[in-house]
Amino acid sequence: MLVVNRFRSADSAVRADLESALAVLGAQTGCEDARLGRNVDDPELWVMVTRWRDVGSYRRALSSYDVKMGAVRTLSLAIEEPSAFEAVEPGLDTDLNTAVPRDLGAR
C-alpha cells in the first residue's frame, strides 16, 4: 500500500522535521520505502510517500511509541485529504478496494 502525505509550509525548518519523521516511519517493520519530495513549481509544497507491505503494517507503525513520539506531530500538519492508497500493479488481475458499508455489529 502507498501513503501520500502532502504538506504546505514556508517555514525553513520544515525539511528537517519531515526528514526526521520520514526516518522514524522508514525504520518501522513493514515499511518498504520512504521518500520526501518538494514541488518543482511551488517550493512551499512538500510530499512524503511511504510504501508498506500491507495496511496492517502501516496501522501498527502509526500506533508504535517511536512514531507517536517522533512523527505524529509532523504528520498532523499534513494537508487534510485521503492519504492511504492500495497499490495497483499493471497486468495483475486483483480485486481492488470497493466502497462497501461495513457491518460493525457482525463479529
N, C-alpha and C. Protein backbone atom coordinates (compact mmCIF):
# COMPACT_ATOMS: atom_id res chain seq x y z
N MET A 1 0.84 -1.17 0.00
CA MET A 1 0.00 0.00 0.00
C MET A 1 0.88 1.23 0.00
N LEU A 2 0.33 2.32 -0.48
CA LEU A 2 1.04 3.59 -0.56
C LEU A 2 0.39 4.61 0.37
N VAL A 3 1.21 5.43 1.00
CA VAL A 3 0.69 6.53 1.81
C VAL A 3 1.34 7.80 1.28
N VAL A 4 0.49 8.75 0.90
CA VAL A 4 0.95 10.01 0.34
C VAL A 4 0.44 11.14 1.24
N ASN A 5 1.37 11.82 1.90
CA ASN A 5 1.03 12.96 2.76
C ASN A 5 1.64 14.20 2.13
N ARG A 6 0.79 15.23 1.95
CA ARG A 6 1.29 16.49 1.42
C ARG A 6 1.29 17.54 2.52
N PHE A 7 2.27 18.43 2.45
CA PHE A 7 2.45 19.46 3.45
C PHE A 7 2.67 20.80 2.74
N ARG A 8 2.13 21.85 3.31
CA ARG A 8 2.38 23.20 2.79
C ARG A 8 3.00 24.01 3.92
N SER A 9 4.21 24.51 3.65
CA SER A 9 4.90 25.30 4.68
C SER A 9 5.97 26.17 4.05
N ALA A 10 6.05 27.41 4.54
CA ALA A 10 7.12 28.33 4.16
C ALA A 10 8.21 28.32 5.22
N ASP A 11 8.01 27.59 6.31
CA ASP A 11 8.96 27.53 7.41
C ASP A 11 10.23 26.82 6.94
N SER A 12 11.37 27.43 7.15
CA SER A 12 12.64 26.85 6.71
C SER A 12 12.99 25.57 7.47
N ALA A 13 12.39 25.36 8.63
CA ALA A 13 12.67 24.16 9.43
C ALA A 13 11.85 22.95 8.99
N VAL A 14 10.94 23.13 8.06
CA VAL A 14 10.04 22.03 7.70
C VAL A 14 10.81 20.84 7.13
N ARG A 15 11.85 21.08 6.36
CA ARG A 15 12.61 19.97 5.77
C ARG A 15 13.18 19.06 6.85
N ALA A 16 13.79 19.65 7.88
CA ALA A 16 14.36 18.84 8.96
C ALA A 16 13.27 18.06 9.68
N ASP A 17 12.12 18.68 9.92
CA ASP A 17 11.02 17.98 10.59
C ASP A 17 10.52 16.82 9.74
N LEU A 18 10.36 17.04 8.44
CA LEU A 18 9.89 15.98 7.55
C LEU A 18 10.91 14.86 7.44
N GLU A 19 12.19 15.21 7.34
CA GLU A 19 13.23 14.18 7.27
C GLU A 19 13.28 13.34 8.54
N SER A 20 13.09 13.97 9.67
CA SER A 20 13.09 13.25 10.94
C SER A 20 11.90 12.29 11.02
N ALA A 21 10.72 12.79 10.66
CA ALA A 21 9.52 11.93 10.67
C ALA A 21 9.67 10.78 9.67
N LEU A 22 10.24 11.08 8.52
CA LEU A 22 10.43 10.06 7.49
C LEU A 22 11.37 8.95 7.97
N ALA A 23 12.42 9.35 8.68
CA ALA A 23 13.37 8.36 9.21
C ALA A 23 12.69 7.43 10.22
N VAL A 24 11.84 8.00 11.07
CA VAL A 24 11.13 7.18 12.06
C VAL A 24 10.17 6.22 11.36
N LEU A 25 9.42 6.71 10.39
CA LEU A 25 8.49 5.85 9.65
C LEU A 25 9.25 4.77 8.88
N GLY A 26 10.34 5.16 8.23
CA GLY A 26 11.11 4.22 7.43
C GLY A 26 11.74 3.10 8.23
N ALA A 27 11.92 3.30 9.51
CA ALA A 27 12.51 2.28 10.38
C ALA A 27 11.49 1.27 10.90
N GLN A 28 10.22 1.50 10.62
CA GLN A 28 9.17 0.63 11.15
C GLN A 28 9.07 -0.67 10.36
N THR A 29 8.73 -1.75 11.04
CA THR A 29 8.52 -3.04 10.40
C THR A 29 7.41 -2.91 9.37
N GLY A 30 7.68 -3.38 8.17
CA GLY A 30 6.68 -3.35 7.10
C GLY A 30 6.82 -2.17 6.17
N CYS A 31 7.64 -1.19 6.53
CA CYS A 31 7.87 -0.06 5.63
C CYS A 31 8.88 -0.51 4.57
N GLU A 32 8.48 -0.45 3.32
CA GLU A 32 9.33 -0.92 2.23
C GLU A 32 10.07 0.21 1.53
N ASP A 33 9.57 1.43 1.66
CA ASP A 33 10.22 2.57 1.03
C ASP A 33 9.68 3.85 1.66
N ALA A 34 10.52 4.86 1.75
CA ALA A 34 10.10 6.14 2.33
C ALA A 34 10.86 7.25 1.61
N ARG A 35 10.10 8.20 1.04
CA ARG A 35 10.73 9.27 0.26
C ARG A 35 10.09 10.61 0.57
N LEU A 36 10.87 11.65 0.36
CA LEU A 36 10.42 13.01 0.57
C LEU A 36 10.65 13.78 -0.72
N GLY A 37 9.69 14.64 -1.08
CA GLY A 37 9.85 15.44 -2.29
C GLY A 37 9.34 16.85 -2.07
N ARG A 38 9.81 17.74 -2.94
CA ARG A 38 9.39 19.14 -2.91
C ARG A 38 8.93 19.51 -4.30
N ASN A 39 7.82 20.21 -4.39
CA ASN A 39 7.23 20.57 -5.67
C ASN A 39 8.18 21.49 -6.45
N VAL A 40 8.34 21.22 -7.73
CA VAL A 40 9.28 21.99 -8.55
C VAL A 40 8.75 23.38 -8.88
N ASP A 41 7.44 23.59 -8.83
CA ASP A 41 6.87 24.90 -9.15
C ASP A 41 6.45 25.69 -7.91
N ASP A 42 6.22 25.00 -6.82
CA ASP A 42 5.74 25.64 -5.60
C ASP A 42 6.61 25.16 -4.44
N PRO A 43 7.65 25.90 -4.07
CA PRO A 43 8.59 25.42 -3.06
C PRO A 43 8.02 25.28 -1.65
N GLU A 44 6.79 25.73 -1.44
CA GLU A 44 6.15 25.55 -0.14
C GLU A 44 5.37 24.23 -0.05
N LEU A 45 5.30 23.49 -1.15
CA LEU A 45 4.54 22.24 -1.18
C LEU A 45 5.49 21.04 -1.15
N TRP A 46 5.32 20.21 -0.14
CA TRP A 46 6.15 19.02 0.08
C TRP A 46 5.29 17.77 0.02
N VAL A 47 5.92 16.64 -0.28
CA VAL A 47 5.22 15.36 -0.27
C VAL A 47 6.10 14.31 0.43
N MET A 48 5.45 13.49 1.24
CA MET A 48 6.10 12.36 1.89
C MET A 48 5.36 11.11 1.39
N VAL A 49 6.10 10.20 0.78
CA VAL A 49 5.50 8.98 0.24
C VAL A 49 6.15 7.79 0.91
N THR A 50 5.33 6.94 1.50
CA THR A 50 5.83 5.71 2.09
C THR A 50 5.11 4.54 1.46
N ARG A 51 5.81 3.43 1.33
CA ARG A 51 5.22 2.21 0.78
C ARG A 51 5.31 1.13 1.84
N TRP A 52 4.19 0.45 2.07
CA TRP A 52 4.07 -0.53 3.16
C TRP A 52 3.71 -1.90 2.61
N ARG A 53 4.15 -2.92 3.32
CA ARG A 53 3.85 -4.31 2.95
C ARG A 53 2.35 -4.53 2.87
N ASP A 54 1.62 -3.97 3.84
CA ASP A 54 0.16 -4.10 3.87
C ASP A 54 -0.41 -3.05 4.82
N VAL A 55 -1.71 -2.92 4.82
CA VAL A 55 -2.35 -1.89 5.64
C VAL A 55 -2.13 -2.15 7.13
N GLY A 56 -2.04 -3.40 7.52
CA GLY A 56 -1.79 -3.73 8.93
C GLY A 56 -0.44 -3.21 9.39
N SER A 57 0.57 -3.36 8.56
CA SER A 57 1.91 -2.84 8.91
C SER A 57 1.87 -1.34 9.12
N TYR A 58 1.16 -0.64 8.25
CA TYR A 58 1.05 0.81 8.36
C TYR A 58 0.32 1.21 9.64
N ARG A 59 -0.77 0.56 9.91
CA ARG A 59 -1.54 0.90 11.12
C ARG A 59 -0.77 0.58 12.40
N ARG A 60 -0.05 -0.54 12.41
CA ARG A 60 0.76 -0.87 13.58
C ARG A 60 1.88 0.15 13.76
N ALA A 61 2.46 0.60 12.65
CA ALA A 61 3.52 1.60 12.74
C ALA A 61 2.99 2.89 13.34
N LEU A 62 1.81 3.33 12.93
CA LEU A 62 1.25 4.57 13.46
C LEU A 62 0.98 4.49 14.96
N SER A 63 0.73 3.29 15.45
CA SER A 63 0.43 3.16 16.88
C SER A 63 1.69 2.87 17.70
N SER A 64 2.84 2.75 17.05
CA SER A 64 4.08 2.47 17.79
C SER A 64 4.53 3.69 18.58
N TYR A 65 5.22 3.43 19.66
CA TYR A 65 5.74 4.50 20.52
C TYR A 65 6.66 5.44 19.75
N ASP A 66 7.58 4.86 18.96
CA ASP A 66 8.54 5.68 18.23
C ASP A 66 7.87 6.65 17.28
N VAL A 67 6.84 6.18 16.57
CA VAL A 67 6.13 7.05 15.63
C VAL A 67 5.32 8.10 16.38
N LYS A 68 4.68 7.68 17.46
CA LYS A 68 3.91 8.66 18.24
C LYS A 68 4.82 9.77 18.76
N MET A 69 6.04 9.43 19.18
CA MET A 69 6.97 10.43 19.72
C MET A 69 7.71 11.20 18.63
N GLY A 70 8.02 10.53 17.51
CA GLY A 70 8.90 11.14 16.53
C GLY A 70 8.31 11.57 15.21
N ALA A 71 7.03 11.25 14.97
CA ALA A 71 6.48 11.58 13.65
C ALA A 71 5.06 12.13 13.69
N VAL A 72 4.28 11.78 14.69
CA VAL A 72 2.86 12.15 14.69
C VAL A 72 2.67 13.67 14.68
N ARG A 73 3.49 14.40 15.41
CA ARG A 73 3.34 15.86 15.43
C ARG A 73 3.49 16.42 14.01
N THR A 74 4.50 15.96 13.29
CA THR A 74 4.72 16.42 11.92
C THR A 74 3.61 15.92 11.00
N LEU A 75 3.22 14.66 11.12
CA LEU A 75 2.15 14.13 10.28
C LEU A 75 0.84 14.87 10.49
N SER A 76 0.62 15.37 11.69
CA SER A 76 -0.63 16.09 11.97
C SER A 76 -0.70 17.41 11.21
N LEU A 77 0.41 17.87 10.65
CA LEU A 77 0.43 19.11 9.87
C LEU A 77 0.15 18.89 8.39
N ALA A 78 -0.06 17.63 8.01
CA ALA A 78 -0.33 17.31 6.60
C ALA A 78 -1.64 17.95 6.15
N ILE A 79 -1.70 18.23 4.85
CA ILE A 79 -2.94 18.71 4.25
C ILE A 79 -4.00 17.64 4.48
N GLU A 80 -5.17 18.05 4.94
CA GLU A 80 -6.21 17.08 5.26
C GLU A 80 -6.87 16.58 3.98
N GLU A 81 -6.54 15.35 3.62
CA GLU A 81 -7.08 14.68 2.44
C GLU A 81 -6.78 13.19 2.59
N PRO A 82 -7.51 12.35 1.87
CA PRO A 82 -7.21 10.92 1.95
C PRO A 82 -5.75 10.67 1.58
N SER A 83 -5.09 9.79 2.34
CA SER A 83 -3.66 9.61 2.12
C SER A 83 -3.23 8.16 1.88
N ALA A 84 -4.08 7.19 2.17
CA ALA A 84 -3.71 5.78 2.02
C ALA A 84 -4.31 5.24 0.72
N PHE A 85 -3.46 4.60 -0.08
CA PHE A 85 -3.86 4.08 -1.38
C PHE A 85 -3.42 2.63 -1.52
N GLU A 86 -4.25 1.83 -2.16
CA GLU A 86 -3.80 0.48 -2.46
C GLU A 86 -2.99 0.53 -3.74
N ALA A 87 -1.96 -0.27 -3.79
CA ALA A 87 -1.11 -0.32 -4.98
C ALA A 87 -1.83 -1.08 -6.09
N VAL A 88 -1.75 -0.57 -7.28
CA VAL A 88 -2.34 -1.22 -8.45
C VAL A 88 -1.18 -1.61 -9.36
N GLU A 89 -0.97 -2.90 -9.49
CA GLU A 89 0.15 -3.40 -10.27
C GLU A 89 -0.32 -3.68 -11.70
N PRO A 90 0.39 -3.16 -12.70
CA PRO A 90 0.00 -3.40 -14.09
C PRO A 90 -0.06 -4.88 -14.42
N GLY A 91 -1.13 -5.28 -15.07
CA GLY A 91 -1.26 -6.65 -15.55
C GLY A 91 -1.73 -7.66 -14.53
N LEU A 92 -1.77 -7.31 -13.24
CA LEU A 92 -2.24 -8.26 -12.23
C LEU A 92 -3.74 -8.14 -12.08
N ASP A 93 -4.41 -9.27 -12.13
CA ASP A 93 -5.86 -9.29 -12.00
C ASP A 93 -6.22 -9.48 -10.53
N THR A 94 -6.24 -8.38 -9.80
CA THR A 94 -6.57 -8.46 -8.38
C THR A 94 -7.81 -7.63 -8.10
N ASP A 95 -8.53 -8.02 -7.09
CA ASP A 95 -9.70 -7.26 -6.68
C ASP A 95 -9.23 -5.99 -5.99
N LEU A 96 -9.73 -4.87 -6.45
CA LEU A 96 -9.38 -3.61 -5.83
C LEU A 96 -10.40 -3.28 -4.76
N ASN A 97 -10.01 -2.42 -3.86
CA ASN A 97 -10.89 -1.97 -2.78
C ASN A 97 -12.18 -1.42 -3.37
N THR A 98 -13.29 -1.80 -2.79
CA THR A 98 -14.58 -1.28 -3.23
C THR A 98 -15.29 -0.63 -2.05
N ALA A 99 -16.10 0.35 -2.37
CA ALA A 99 -16.85 1.06 -1.32
C ALA A 99 -18.01 0.18 -0.88
N VAL A 100 -17.84 -0.49 0.24
CA VAL A 100 -18.86 -1.38 0.78
C VAL A 100 -19.08 -0.99 2.24
N PRO A 101 -20.34 -0.76 2.62
CA PRO A 101 -20.57 -0.42 4.03
C PRO A 101 -20.13 -1.57 4.93
N ARG A 102 -19.57 -1.24 6.05
CA ARG A 102 -19.10 -2.26 6.99
C ARG A 102 -20.17 -2.51 8.03
N ASP A 103 -20.41 -3.76 8.30
CA ASP A 103 -21.38 -4.13 9.33
C ASP A 103 -20.63 -4.19 10.65
N LEU A 104 -20.72 -3.12 11.41
CA LEU A 104 -19.97 -3.06 12.67
C LEU A 104 -20.56 -3.96 13.75
N GLY A 105 -21.79 -4.41 13.56
CA GLY A 105 -22.41 -5.27 14.56
C GLY A 105 -22.02 -6.73 14.40
N ALA A 106 -21.58 -7.13 13.21
CA ALA A 106 -21.23 -8.54 12.97
C ALA A 106 -19.84 -8.84 13.51
N ARG A 107 -19.68 -9.99 14.10
CA ARG A 107 -18.36 -10.41 14.62
C ARG A 107 -18.12 -11.84 14.31
